[in-house]
Amino acid sequence: MDDLDFVLETIEPWLDKYHRDGVEALSPTEALGVGVWLLEAEVNNGGFDQYYFNTSGVLAVSTVRSLAEIGAKLTSSLLAAANADVPNLPLPDDRDLRGALLDEVAETARFKDLEAEFYECNENRIALLAIYLKKSKIDT
């Protein structure tokens, strides 16, 4: 099983739990996996605008630490820089409120430049996440 398949198989039930019950229902390892996965999926699909607008943006602050914990230091710094351009983190759960806050920074946020760095980043976040999750399963 490759890293992507392992990560997907591992976090799929965690994603369901997150979407159903919120981040409070997740263990620390589950929250780390969900946060890193959602950043990867959302930014690759629609950039930082999509990441923050969707429910994944609620995890933006904790995901900076999660990325550093798995060894994705450059990605952690990119997300921290993007977070610096977003007011009132953590973002509210309410989608309309999130949208209004993001509209306030639409012209000034450095999202496009940070996305370019994200896409060019040579960190294999999925592989790093897989290594972390495998180690966590052994240690628990």
Protein backbone atom coordinates (compact mmCIF):
# COMPACT_ATOMS: atom_id res chain seq x y z
CA MET A 1 0.00 0.00 0.00
CA ASP A 2 1.47 3.36 -0.97
CA ASP A 3 1.52 6.40 1.31
CA LEU A 4 -1.54 8.05 -0.21
CA ASP A 5 -3.66 4.92 0.12
CA PHE A 6 -2.47 4.41 3.70
CA VAL A 7 -3.28 8.01 4.67
CA LEU A 8 -6.71 7.89 3.02
CA GLU A 9 -7.62 4.59 4.65
CA THR A 10 -6.44 5.83 8.04
CA ILE A 11 -8.07 9.25 8.08
CA GLU A 12 -11.35 8.56 6.27
CA PRO A 13 -13.21 7.66 9.49
CA TRP A 14 -11.59 10.66 11.20
CA LEU A 15 -12.83 12.98 8.45
CA ASP A 16 -16.33 11.59 8.90
CA LYS A 17 -16.11 12.17 12.64
CA TYR A 18 -14.77 15.70 12.10
CA HIS A 19 -17.54 16.65 9.69
CA ARG A 20 -20.20 15.07 11.90
CA ASP A 21 -19.01 16.06 15.40
CA GLY A 22 -16.34 18.76 15.02
CA VAL A 23 -12.69 18.89 15.93
CA GLU A 24 -13.49 18.50 19.63
CA ALA A 25 -14.45 14.86 18.96
CA LEU A 26 -10.99 14.02 17.55
CA SER A 27 -7.99 12.73 19.42
CA PRO A 28 -4.79 14.77 19.01
CA THR A 29 -3.46 12.35 16.37
CA GLU A 30 -6.78 12.37 14.51
CA ALA A 31 -6.90 16.18 14.56
CA LEU A 32 -3.34 16.34 13.24
CA GLY A 33 -4.13 13.94 10.39
CA VAL A 34 -7.36 15.70 9.45
CA GLY A 35 -5.73 19.13 9.57
CA VAL A 36 -2.79 18.18 7.35
CA TRP A 37 -5.00 16.26 4.92
CA LEU A 38 -7.53 19.07 4.56
CA LEU A 39 -4.79 21.64 3.93
CA GLU A 40 -3.30 19.42 1.23
CA ALA A 41 -6.64 18.66 -0.38
CA GLU A 42 -8.12 22.16 -0.26
CA VAL A 43 -5.06 24.16 -1.34
CA ASN A 44 -4.34 21.75 -4.19
CA ASN A 45 -7.97 21.92 -5.28
CA GLY A 46 -8.74 25.63 -4.92
CA GLY A 47 -5.93 27.49 -3.20
CA PHE A 48 -5.83 29.20 0.16
CA ASP A 49 -9.10 31.01 -0.58
CA GLN A 50 -10.90 27.66 -0.69
CA TYR A 51 -8.96 26.32 2.30
CA TYR A 52 -10.06 29.17 4.54
CA PHE A 53 -13.60 29.43 3.21
CA ASN A 54 -14.40 25.76 3.78
CA THR A 55 -14.55 24.14 7.22
CA SER A 56 -10.85 23.30 6.95
CA GLY A 57 -10.06 26.95 7.68
CA VAL A 58 -11.24 26.43 11.24
CA LEU A 59 -8.13 24.24 11.71
CA ALA A 60 -5.64 26.74 10.24
CA VAL A 61 -3.92 27.65 13.52
CA SER A 62 -3.48 24.10 14.83
CA THR A 63 -2.38 22.84 11.41
CA VAL A 64 0.71 25.07 11.53
CA ARG A 65 1.86 23.07 14.57
CA SER A 66 0.74 19.79 13.01
CA LEU A 67 2.85 20.40 9.90
CA ALA A 68 5.89 21.18 12.01
CA GLU A 69 5.27 18.04 14.06
CA ILE A 70 5.32 15.77 10.99
CA GLY A 71 8.46 17.47 9.67
CA ALA A 72 6.89 19.72 7.01
CA LYS A 73 8.63 22.84 8.29
CA LEU A 74 8.48 24.82 5.04
CA THR A 75 4.77 24.15 4.58
CA SER A 76 4.23 25.08 8.22
CA SER A 77 5.88 28.44 7.60
CA LEU A 78 3.81 28.99 4.44
CA LEU A 79 0.57 28.33 6.32
CA ALA A 80 1.72 30.60 9.16
CA ALA A 81 2.34 33.37 6.60
CA ALA A 82 -1.11 32.83 5.08
CA ASN A 83 -2.64 32.82 8.57
CA ALA A 84 -1.01 36.20 9.25
CA ASP A 85 -3.16 37.66 6.46
CA VAL A 86 -6.43 36.33 7.87
CA PRO A 87 -8.22 38.29 10.61
CA ASN A 88 -9.65 36.76 13.74
CA LEU A 89 -8.13 33.28 13.68
CA PRO A 90 -9.37 30.74 14.41
CA LEU A 91 -12.08 31.37 11.88
CA PRO A 92 -15.68 30.91 13.01
CA ASP A 93 -17.57 27.72 12.24
CA ASP A 94 -20.28 29.76 10.50
CA ARG A 95 -19.61 29.79 6.74
CA ASP A 96 -21.19 33.22 6.15
CA LEU A 97 -19.04 34.80 8.86
CA ARG A 98 -15.92 33.14 7.45
CA GLY A 99 -16.79 34.46 4.00
CA ALA A 100 -17.29 38.00 5.29
CA LEU A 101 -13.95 37.95 7.11
CA LEU A 102 -12.17 36.64 4.03
CA ASP A 103 -13.81 39.27 1.82
CA GLU A 104 -12.16 41.90 4.04
CA VAL A 105 -8.67 40.65 3.09
CA ALA A 106 -9.29 39.53 -0.49
CA GLU A 107 -7.29 42.40 -1.98
CA THR A 108 -4.39 42.36 0.50
CA ALA A 109 -3.77 38.69 1.29
CA ARG A 110 -0.65 37.12 -0.21
CA PHE A 111 -2.45 33.87 -1.00
CA LYS A 112 -1.43 33.61 -4.67
CA ASP A 113 2.29 34.02 -3.91
CA LEU A 114 2.08 31.59 -1.01
CA GLU A 115 0.16 29.08 -3.16
CA ALA A 116 2.94 29.19 -5.77
CA GLU A 117 5.46 28.36 -3.04
CA PHE A 118 3.15 25.63 -1.69
CA TYR A 119 2.92 23.97 -5.12
CA GLU A 120 6.68 24.20 -5.69
CA CYS A 121 7.56 23.00 -2.19
CA ASN A 122 9.66 19.84 -2.26
CA GLU A 123 8.22 18.49 0.99
CA ASN A 124 6.18 15.35 0.43
CA ARG A 125 3.49 16.13 2.97
CA ILE A 126 1.58 12.89 2.34
CA ALA A 127 4.70 10.78 2.88
CA LEU A 128 5.56 12.73 6.03
CA LEU A 129 2.01 12.30 7.30
CA ALA A 130 2.09 8.57 6.54
CA ILE A 131 5.36 8.16 8.47
CA TYR A 132 3.93 10.08 11.41
CA LEU A 133 0.67 8.10 11.47
CA LYS A 134 2.47 4.75 11.21
CA LYS A 135 4.71 5.69 14.11
CA SER A 136 1.72 6.92 16.11
CA LYS A 137 -0.09 3.62 15.60
CA ILE A 138 2.97 1.73 16.87
CA ASP A 139 3.35 3.99 19.88
CA THR A 140 -0.30 3.80 20.97
